């Protein structure tokens, strides 16, 4: 796999952001980061919903880690998706820490949420995926939500095989809707342009696909973001939606990309905007790593627990 620095960029960004994942209250967020030189890798978890060790990644990037490990262990190209599904069940399904927390989460739903659960949080798309794999469905992805799990699964695969037909299969194996598919593909195409050192990857994507019906909504939404280039990032993310869903999560990410000139400033800005910052960070981090591989701060890489395994293959 070439260009693994791109996946490293997404992984580091997710881990850096994770202790402040899903903080929707701007007053609380302001209090947590006030007076801090760096707001990445906070030692104390501030996510109101779940608590994992700082340096670990959210459930979004973890889907990508499962795909990365699957690619490394699969002997045949044709077996990757089949093996990936098996590994999704191993990593997220019965017996895993993700699954153990599911019962607790159901209990929490009936009472006022007072403190975060210990351990990771399984996403709706992955929950449905596990059920669909067990039911032997051909297309196994979740259909109830439009979130970044499909993109996160496809990112390492894209560095191994960038054929659109295959990428769509990977996306739909965990997130099966047209919205999930086209926004995930759009992210990958913008990252590809950045990796080719295009001078303006977002504008070039718009120019290249402006007459393509499939990407019509994506182009319309990018144009809305471009018109707000001079607006405050946190306010713009609030306008488009701080939650995990497309198109808001995509639009917020695009705004971070077009208003930042470095990996570090873009991720810091993404964290400050609050809400589902991890889903946005996975795209923003990959983009800036593609544009400037050396721009990922080395002390951030050292603090990212899954980075060791990726670096092993970058350096080999």
Protein backbone atom coordinates (compact mmCIF):
# COMPACT_ATOMS: atom_id res chain seq x y z
CA UNK A 1 0.00 0.00 0.00
CA UNK A 2 1.40 3.37 -1.03
CA UNK A 3 0.57 6.71 0.56
CA UNK A 4 -0.08 5.28 4.02
CA UNK A 5 0.74 8.72 5.46
CA UNK A 6 -2.81 9.67 4.38
CA UNK A 7 -4.35 7.03 6.66
CA UNK A 8 -1.88 8.04 9.37
CA UNK A 9 -3.15 11.64 8.99
CA UNK A 10 -6.74 10.54 9.60
CA UNK A 11 -5.75 8.33 12.56
CA UNK A 12 -3.69 10.99 14.35
CA UNK A 13 -6.42 13.61 13.80
CA UNK A 14 -9.08 11.30 15.26
CA UNK A 15 -6.96 10.42 18.33
CA UNK A 16 -6.06 14.09 18.90
CA UNK A 17 -9.72 15.06 18.83
CA UNK A 18 -11.18 12.05 20.68
CA UNK A 19 -11.16 13.32 24.33
CA UNK A 20 -13.49 16.15 23.20
CA UNK A 21 -15.73 14.01 20.96
CA UNK A 22 -19.45 14.85 21.05
CA UNK A 23 -19.23 17.90 23.31
CA UNK A 24 -22.22 19.83 21.96
CA UNK A 25 -22.49 22.45 24.71
CA UNK A 26 -20.30 25.43 23.60
CA UNK A 27 -20.02 26.76 27.17
CA UNK A 28 -18.68 23.44 28.46
CA UNK A 29 -16.30 23.12 25.51
CA UNK A 30 -14.96 26.63 26.12
CA UNK A 31 -14.39 25.79 29.78
CA UNK A 32 -12.54 22.54 28.93
CA UNK A 33 -10.08 24.22 26.55
CA UNK A 34 -9.66 27.62 28.22
CA UNK A 35 -6.05 28.60 28.92
CA UNK A 36 -4.59 25.49 27.25
CA UNK A 37 -1.66 25.89 24.85
CA UNK A 38 -2.72 22.80 22.92
CA UNK A 39 -6.22 21.36 23.01
CA UNK A 40 -5.29 18.01 21.46
CA UNK A 41 -4.90 14.70 23.36
CA UNK A 42 -6.46 16.02 26.58
CA UNK A 43 -5.42 13.75 29.45
CA UNK A 44 -8.89 13.93 30.96
CA UNK A 45 -11.76 12.59 28.89
CA UNK A 46 -14.41 15.25 28.27
CA UNK A 47 -16.73 13.32 25.97
CA UNK A 48 -20.06 13.18 27.84
CA UNK A 49 -20.97 9.78 26.36
CA UNK A 50 -17.97 7.46 26.52
CA UNK A 51 -14.48 7.32 28.00
CA UNK A 52 -11.47 5.58 26.44
CA UNK A 53 -7.73 6.01 27.01
CA UNK A 54 -6.24 9.14 25.43
CA UNK A 55 -4.33 8.14 22.31
CA UNK A 56 -6.96 5.63 21.22
CA UNK A 57 -9.31 6.37 18.32
CA UNK A 58 -13.09 6.73 18.12
CA UNK A 59 -15.34 4.11 16.55
CA UNK A 60 -15.07 5.99 13.24
CA UNK A 61 -11.35 5.56 12.77
CA UNK A 62 -11.45 2.11 14.36
CA UNK A 63 -13.45 0.88 11.34
CA UNK A 64 -10.49 2.02 9.24
CA UNK A 65 -8.06 0.20 11.56
CA UNK A 66 -10.07 -3.01 11.05
CA UNK A 67 -9.87 -2.55 7.26
CA UNK A 68 -6.14 -1.79 7.44
CA UNK A 69 -5.46 -4.99 9.42
CA UNK A 70 -7.68 -6.94 6.99
CA UNK A 71 -5.67 -5.70 4.02
CA UNK A 72 -2.43 -6.74 5.69
CA UNK A 73 -3.69 -10.24 6.53
CA UNK A 74 -5.65 -11.08 3.35
CA UNK A 75 -3.73 -13.23 0.88
CA UNK A 76 -6.12 -12.66 -2.02
CA UNK A 77 -7.58 -9.35 -3.19
CA UNK A 78 -10.90 -11.07 -3.76
CA UNK A 79 -11.12 -12.07 -0.08
CA UNK A 80 -10.72 -8.57 1.41
CA UNK A 81 -14.39 -7.63 1.82
CA UNK A 82 -15.36 -11.12 3.09
CA UNK A 83 -12.50 -11.02 5.63
CA UNK A 84 -13.31 -7.42 6.57
CA UNK A 85 -16.85 -8.42 7.53
CA UNK A 86 -15.52 -11.24 9.72
CA UNK A 87 -13.14 -8.80 11.40
CA UNK A 88 -15.92 -6.24 11.95
CA UNK A 89 -17.78 -8.87 13.98
CA UNK A 90 -14.59 -9.76 15.93
CA UNK A 91 -13.76 -6.14 16.70
CA UNK A 92 -17.23 -4.70 17.31
CA UNK A 93 -19.55 -7.69 17.82
CA UNK A 94 -20.49 -10.00 20.74
CA UNK A 95 -17.66 -10.38 23.24
CA UNK A 96 -16.01 -7.06 22.30
CA UNK A 97 -15.84 -3.98 24.53
CA UNK A 98 -18.04 -2.17 22.00
CA UNK A 99 -20.76 -4.81 22.40
CA UNK A 100 -20.52 -4.93 26.20
CA UNK A 101 -21.38 -1.25 26.37
CA UNK A 102 -24.52 -1.71 24.32
CA UNK A 103 -26.56 -3.02 27.27
CA UNK A 104 -25.36 -0.17 29.44
CA UNK A 105 -26.26 2.32 26.71
CA UNK A 106 -29.83 1.00 26.50
CA UNK A 107 -30.11 1.46 30.25
CA UNK A 108 -28.69 4.98 30.01
CA UNK A 109 -31.29 5.90 27.40
CA UNK A 110 -34.05 5.45 30.00
CA UNK A 111 -32.43 7.79 32.53
CA UNK A 112 -30.77 11.20 32.37
CA UNK A 113 -27.23 10.85 31.02
CA UNK A 114 -25.09 11.69 34.05
CA UNK A 115 -21.60 10.48 33.19
CA UNK A 116 -19.78 8.84 30.27
CA UNK A 117 -19.62 5.06 29.98
CA UNK A 118 -16.23 3.42 30.40
CA UNK A 119 -15.17 1.90 27.10
CA UNK A 120 -15.87 2.54 23.40
CA UNK A 121 -19.10 3.46 21.66
CA UNK A 122 -20.53 1.33 18.83
CA UNK A 123 -22.11 3.34 15.99
CA UNK A 124 -25.54 2.71 14.52
CA UNK A 125 -24.12 1.79 11.09
CA UNK A 126 -21.83 -0.84 12.63
CA UNK A 127 -24.60 -2.20 14.82
CA UNK A 128 -26.79 -2.72 11.76
CA UNK A 129 -23.85 -4.12 9.77
CA UNK A 130 -23.27 -6.85 12.37
CA UNK A 131 -26.97 -7.77 12.31
CA UNK A 132 -26.98 -7.81 8.48
CA UNK A 133 -23.83 -9.97 8.27
CA UNK A 134 -25.42 -12.45 10.66
CA UNK A 135 -28.63 -12.41 8.58
CA UNK A 136 -26.46 -13.22 5.52
CA UNK A 137 -27.55 -10.13 3.59
CA UNK A 138 -25.57 -9.46 0.40
CA UNK A 139 -25.17 -5.73 1.09
CA UNK A 140 -24.53 -5.48 4.79
CA UNK A 141 -24.22 -1.76 5.57
CA UNK A 142 -26.57 0.14 7.86
CA UNK A 143 -29.38 2.13 6.26
CA UNK A 144 -30.76 4.21 9.14
CA UNK A 145 -28.07 6.90 9.38
CA UNK A 146 -25.85 8.82 6.95
CA UNK A 147 -22.53 9.02 8.79
CA UNK A 148 -18.79 8.67 8.13
CA UNK A 149 -18.28 4.95 8.83
CA UNK A 150 -18.30 4.07 5.10
CA UNK A 151 -15.63 6.65 4.31
CA UNK A 152 -13.51 5.49 7.28
CA UNK A 153 -13.66 1.87 6.07
CA UNK A 154 -12.87 2.89 2.49
CA UNK A 155 -9.90 5.19 3.23
CA UNK A 156 -7.20 2.49 3.77
CA UNK A 157 -8.78 0.36 1.02
CA UNK A 158 -8.54 3.33 -1.38
CA UNK A 159 -4.74 3.37 -0.84
CA UNK A 160 -4.69 -0.30 -1.90
CA UNK A 161 -7.27 -0.20 -4.70
CA UNK A 162 -8.84 3.04 -5.99
CA UNK A 163 -11.33 1.44 -8.43
CA UNK A 164 -14.67 3.18 -7.87
CA UNK A 165 -16.73 -0.01 -8.23
CA UNK A 166 -14.72 -1.70 -5.45
CA UNK A 167 -14.76 1.40 -3.23
CA UNK A 168 -18.56 1.51 -3.46
CA UNK A 169 -18.72 -2.12 -2.30
CA UNK A 170 -16.54 -1.30 0.73
CA UNK A 171 -18.60 1.78 1.63
CA UNK A 172 -21.86 -0.14 1.31
CA UNK A 173 -20.52 -3.01 3.42
CA UNK A 174 -20.88 -0.74 6.48
CA UNK A 175 -23.03 2.23 5.32
CA UNK A 176 -25.59 1.38 2.70
CA UNK A 177 -27.28 4.52 1.35
CA UNK A 178 -26.76 6.72 -1.69
CA UNK A 179 -25.87 9.68 0.57
CA UNK A 180 -23.23 7.65 2.44
CA UNK A 181 -21.78 6.44 -0.83
CA UNK A 182 -21.51 9.72 -2.72
CA UNK A 183 -20.16 11.81 0.16
CA UNK A 184 -17.56 9.12 1.00
CA UNK A 185 -16.47 8.97 -2.65
CA UNK A 186 -16.32 12.78 -2.83
CA UNK A 187 -13.97 12.86 0.17
CA UNK A 188 -11.71 10.23 -1.43
CA UNK A 189 -11.61 12.11 -4.75
CA UNK A 190 -10.70 15.40 -3.01
CA UNK A 191 -7.96 13.58 -1.04
CA UNK A 192 -6.68 12.08 -4.31
CA UNK A 193 -6.43 15.57 -5.84
CA UNK A 194 -4.57 16.79 -2.74
CA UNK A 195 -2.19 13.83 -3.01
CA UNK A 196 -1.48 14.74 -6.65
CA UNK A 197 -0.49 18.20 -5.33
CA UNK A 198 -3.35 19.96 -7.10
CA UNK A 199 -3.19 23.69 -6.26
CA UNK A 200 -6.82 23.80 -5.12
CA UNK A 201 -8.29 20.30 -4.67
CA UNK A 202 -11.77 21.45 -3.54
CA UNK A 203 -12.20 23.88 -6.48
CA UNK A 204 -10.77 21.29 -8.88
CA UNK A 205 -13.30 18.70 -7.66
CA UNK A 206 -16.13 21.20 -8.32
CA UNK A 207 -14.78 21.97 -11.79
CA UNK A 208 -14.26 18.31 -12.68
CA UNK A 209 -17.68 17.05 -11.52
CA UNK A 210 -19.95 20.08 -12.02
CA UNK A 211 -21.82 18.38 -14.89
CA UNK A 212 -21.95 14.98 -13.16
CA UNK A 213 -25.52 14.26 -11.98
CA UNK A 214 -24.32 11.78 -9.34
CA UNK A 215 -22.38 14.50 -7.50
CA UNK A 216 -24.95 17.28 -8.06
CA UNK A 217 -25.92 17.70 -4.37
CA UNK A 218 -22.31 17.47 -3.24
CA UNK A 219 -21.26 20.26 -5.65
CA UNK A 220 -24.21 22.44 -4.55
CA UNK A 221 -23.18 22.01 -0.91
CA UNK A 222 -19.50 22.73 -1.58
CA UNK A 223 -20.51 25.97 -3.34
CA UNK A 224 -22.53 26.98 -0.25
CA UNK A 225 -19.40 26.45 1.87
CA UNK A 226 -17.16 28.36 -0.55
CA UNK A 227 -19.45 31.39 -0.24
CA UNK A 228 -18.80 31.36 3.52
CA UNK A 229 -15.00 31.18 3.34
CA UNK A 230 -14.57 34.40 5.32
CA UNK A 231 -17.02 33.36 8.06
CA UNK A 232 -15.98 32.11 11.51
CA UNK A 233 -15.44 28.32 11.40
CA UNK A 234 -17.29 27.42 14.62
CA UNK A 235 -20.34 29.46 13.56
CA UNK A 236 -20.27 27.90 10.08
CA UNK A 237 -20.17 24.36 11.51
CA UNK A 238 -23.10 25.26 13.77
CA UNK A 239 -25.01 26.51 10.71
CA UNK A 240 -24.42 23.30 8.70
CA UNK A 241 -24.79 20.97 11.70
CA UNK A 242 -22.37 19.86 14.42
CA UNK A 243 -23.74 16.30 14.44
CA UNK A 244 -22.39 13.21 12.67
CA UNK A 245 -24.67 13.21 9.62
CA UNK A 246 -24.09 14.09 5.99
CA UNK A 247 -24.18 16.59 4.44
CA UNK A 248 -23.38 18.73 7.53
CA UNK A 249 -20.29 16.78 8.62
CA UNK A 250 -18.91 17.01 5.06
CA UNK A 251 -19.64 20.74 4.75
CA UNK A 252 -18.01 21.52 8.11
CA UNK A 253 -14.91 19.58 7.03
CA UNK A 254 -14.72 21.44 3.72
CA UNK A 255 -14.86 24.76 5.60
CA UNK A 256 -11.95 23.66 7.85
CA UNK A 257 -9.98 22.69 4.72
CA UNK A 258 -10.52 25.93 2.79
CA UNK A 259 -9.87 28.21 5.79
CA UNK A 260 -6.70 26.50 7.09
CA UNK A 261 -3.14 26.44 5.83
CA UNK A 262 -1.77 23.56 7.91
CA UNK A 263 -2.66 20.18 9.39
CA UNK A 264 -2.26 21.48 12.96
CA UNK A 265 -4.42 24.61 12.52
CA UNK A 266 -7.15 22.67 10.68
CA UNK A 267 -7.45 19.98 13.38
CA UNK A 268 -7.37 22.55 16.20
CA UNK A 269 -10.16 24.46 14.45
CA UNK A 270 -12.14 21.22 13.95
CA UNK A 271 -11.91 20.43 17.69
CA UNK A 272 -13.02 23.94 18.68
CA UNK A 273 -16.15 23.65 16.54
CA UNK A 274 -17.42 20.86 18.86
CA UNK A 275 -20.05 18.21 18.26
CA UNK A 276 -18.99 15.22 16.16
CA UNK A 277 -15.51 16.58 15.58
CA UNK A 278 -13.98 13.08 15.18
CA UNK A 279 -15.95 12.36 12.00
CA UNK A 280 -14.79 15.69 10.53
CA UNK A 281 -11.19 15.16 11.72
CA UNK A 282 -10.91 11.86 9.83
CA UNK A 283 -11.43 13.70 6.54
CA UNK A 284 -9.56 16.92 7.38
CA UNK A 285 -6.54 14.99 8.74
CA UNK A 286 -6.32 12.72 5.68
CA UNK A 287 -6.62 15.72 3.36
CA UNK A 288 -3.78 17.71 4.92
CA UNK A 289 -1.59 14.59 5.20
CA UNK A 290 -2.13 14.01 1.46
CA UNK A 291 -1.27 17.63 0.67
CA UNK A 292 1.79 17.83 2.96
CA UNK A 293 2.85 14.45 4.43
CA UNK A 294 5.43 16.10 6.69
CA UNK A 295 2.80 18.40 8.24
CA UNK A 296 1.52 15.87 10.83
CA UNK A 297 3.18 16.99 14.09
CA UNK A 298 5.62 14.26 15.18
CA UNK A 299 4.69 14.62 18.88
CA UNK A 300 1.04 14.04 17.91
CA UNK A 301 2.04 10.85 16.06
CA UNK A 302 3.91 9.59 19.15
CA UNK A 303 0.77 10.06 21.27
CA UNK A 304 -1.48 8.12 18.87
CA UNK A 305 -1.66 4.48 19.94
CA UNK A 306 -2.56 2.86 16.57
CA UNK A 307 0.09 4.97 14.77
CA UNK A 308 2.89 2.50 15.64
CA UNK A 309 1.38 -0.20 13.47
CA UNK A 310 0.90 2.16 10.51
CA UNK A 311 4.44 3.57 10.83
CA UNK A 312 5.85 0.05 10.71
CA UNK A 313 4.51 -0.30 7.15
CA UNK A 314 5.36 3.28 6.10
CA UNK A 315 8.98 2.75 7.11
CA UNK A 316 9.33 -0.79 5.76
